Amino acid sequence: MTANVGGIDRVLRIVAGLVLMALAAANVVGLWGYIVGGIVMATGVFRFCGAYTLLGLNTCPLKVVEEEPAM
């Protein structure tokens, strides 16, 4: 898995996930708050979003460095 979630996107995902899980803990939203909040937060923590891969999106400024073949 290569990182495809950038800095601002990452922070927003983690905050949104925590807010959803806090709302679920306070019984403002249902069980879906834990599930969706956990998924959103995990995509921010691991810097990888499967939907971005399917859509061909990438907000991460990091470039993949290709290694030179060993001789």
C-alpha atoms as a PDB file:
ATOM      1  CA  MET A   1       0.000   0.000   0.000  1.00  0.00           C
ATOM      2  CA  THR A   2       1.398   3.348  -0.990  1.00  0.00           C
ATOM      3  CA  ALA A   3       0.283   6.472   0.838  1.00  0.00           C
ATOM      4  CA  ASN A   4      -2.384   8.402  -1.043  1.00  0.00           C
ATOM      5  CA  VAL A   5      -3.769  10.646   1.723  1.00  0.00           C
ATOM      6  CA  GLY A   6      -1.978  13.974   2.245  1.00  0.00           C
ATOM      7  CA  GLY A   7      -1.442  16.127   5.333  1.00  0.00           C
ATOM      8  CA  ILE A   8      -4.578  18.306   5.518  1.00  0.00           C
ATOM      9  CA  ASP A   9      -6.737  15.443   4.265  1.00  0.00           C
ATOM     10  CA  ARG A  10      -5.203  13.193   6.929  1.00  0.00           C
ATOM     11  CA  VAL A  11      -5.903  15.608   9.797  1.00  0.00           C
ATOM     12  CA  LEU A  12      -9.485  16.184   8.647  1.00  0.00           C
ATOM     13  CA  ARG A  13     -10.117  12.437   8.443  1.00  0.00           C
ATOM     14  CA  ILE A  14      -8.755  11.778  11.932  1.00  0.00           C
ATOM     15  CA  VAL A  15     -10.761  14.654  13.445  1.00  0.00           C
ATOM     16  CA  ALA A  16     -13.960  13.634  11.615  1.00  0.00           C
ATOM     17  CA  GLY A  17     -13.524  10.032  12.753  1.00  0.00           C
ATOM     18  CA  LEU A  18     -13.035  11.072  16.368  1.00  0.00           C
ATOM     19  CA  VAL A  19     -16.067  13.374  16.233  1.00  0.00           C
ATOM     20  CA  LEU A  20     -18.285  10.626  14.816  1.00  0.00           C
ATOM     21  CA  MET A  21     -17.108   8.153  17.444  1.00  0.00           C
ATOM     22  CA  ALA A  22     -17.649  10.736  20.221  1.00  0.00           C
ATOM     23  CA  LEU A  23     -21.173  11.397  18.945  1.00  0.00           C
ATOM     24  CA  ALA A  24     -21.843   7.657  18.954  1.00  0.00           C
ATOM     25  CA  ALA A  25     -20.509   7.373  22.520  1.00  0.00           C
ATOM     26  CA  ALA A  26     -22.832  10.224  23.586  1.00  0.00           C
ATOM     27  CA  ASN A  27     -25.821   8.444  21.960  1.00  0.00           C
ATOM     28  CA  VAL A  28     -26.363  11.318  19.525  1.00  0.00           C
ATOM     29  CA  VAL A  29     -25.947   9.000  16.542  1.00  0.00           C
ATOM     30  CA  GLY A  30     -26.325   5.264  16.346  1.00  0.00           C
ATOM     31  CA  LEU A  31     -23.889   2.393  15.972  1.00  0.00           C
ATOM     32  CA  TRP A  32     -23.020   3.578  12.472  1.00  0.00           C
ATOM     33  CA  GLY A  33     -21.041   6.431  14.082  1.00  0.00           C
ATOM     34  CA  TYR A  34     -18.538   3.949  15.508  1.00  0.00           C
ATOM     35  CA  ILE A  35     -18.262   2.034  12.244  1.00  0.00           C
ATOM     36  CA  VAL A  36     -17.958   4.980   9.856  1.00  0.00           C
ATOM     37  CA  GLY A  37     -15.861   6.965  12.329  1.00  0.00           C
ATOM     38  CA  GLY A  38     -13.456   4.054  12.747  1.00  0.00           C
ATOM     39  CA  ILE A  39     -13.065   3.597   9.009  1.00  0.00           C
ATOM     40  CA  VAL A  40     -12.558   7.316   8.373  1.00  0.00           C
ATOM     41  CA  MET A  41     -10.055   7.594  11.219  1.00  0.00           C
ATOM     42  CA  ALA A  42      -8.155   4.494  10.050  1.00  0.00           C
ATOM     43  CA  THR A  43      -7.755   5.930   6.543  1.00  0.00           C
ATOM     44  CA  GLY A  44      -6.188   9.009   8.102  1.00  0.00           C
ATOM     45  CA  VAL A  45      -3.904   7.097  10.445  1.00  0.00           C
ATOM     46  CA  PHE A  46      -2.656   4.667   7.793  1.00  0.00           C
ATOM     47  CA  ARG A  47      -2.564   7.351   5.045  1.00  0.00           C
ATOM     48  CA  PHE A  48      -4.304   5.013   2.610  1.00  0.00           C
ATOM     49  CA  CYS A  49      -7.803   5.253   1.165  1.00  0.00           C
ATOM     50  CA  GLY A  50      -9.093   2.431  -1.024  1.00  0.00           C
ATOM     51  CA  ALA A  51     -11.681   4.699  -2.644  1.00  0.00           C
ATOM     52  CA  TYR A  52      -8.894   7.075  -3.716  1.00  0.00           C
ATOM     53  CA  THR A  53      -7.120   4.145  -5.370  1.00  0.00           C
ATOM     54  CA  LEU A  54     -10.261   3.161  -7.284  1.00  0.00           C
ATOM     55  CA  LEU A  55     -10.862   6.762  -8.377  1.00  0.00           C
ATOM     56  CA  GLY A  56      -7.210   7.442  -9.221  1.00  0.00           C
ATOM     57  CA  LEU A  57      -6.884  10.239  -6.658  1.00  0.00           C
ATOM     58  CA  ASN A  58      -3.826  11.087  -4.584  1.00  0.00           C
ATOM     59  CA  THR A  59      -3.512  13.985  -2.113  1.00  0.00           C
ATOM     60  CA  CYS A  60      -0.150  12.841  -0.747  1.00  0.00           C
ATOM     61  CA  PRO A  61       2.824  14.911  -1.922  1.00  0.00           C
ATOM     62  CA  LEU A  62       5.266  12.055  -1.272  1.00  0.00           C
ATOM     63  CA  LYS A  63       6.779  10.543  -4.399  1.00  0.00           C
ATOM     64  CA  VAL A  64       7.600   6.869  -4.707  1.00  0.00           C
ATOM     65  CA  VAL A  65      11.363   6.395  -5.074  1.00  0.00           C
ATOM     66  CA  GLU A  66      12.306   3.618  -7.437  1.00  0.00           C
ATOM     67  CA  GLU A  67      15.329   1.581  -6.475  1.00  0.00           C
ATOM     68  CA  GLU A  68      18.075   0.921  -8.975  1.00  0.00           C
ATOM     69  CA  PRO A  69      18.473  -2.762  -9.892  1.00  0.00           C
ATOM     70  CA  ALA A  70      21.319  -4.528  -8.085  1.00  0.00           C
ATOM     71  CA  MET A  71      24.161  -5.784 -10.246  1.00  0.00           C
END
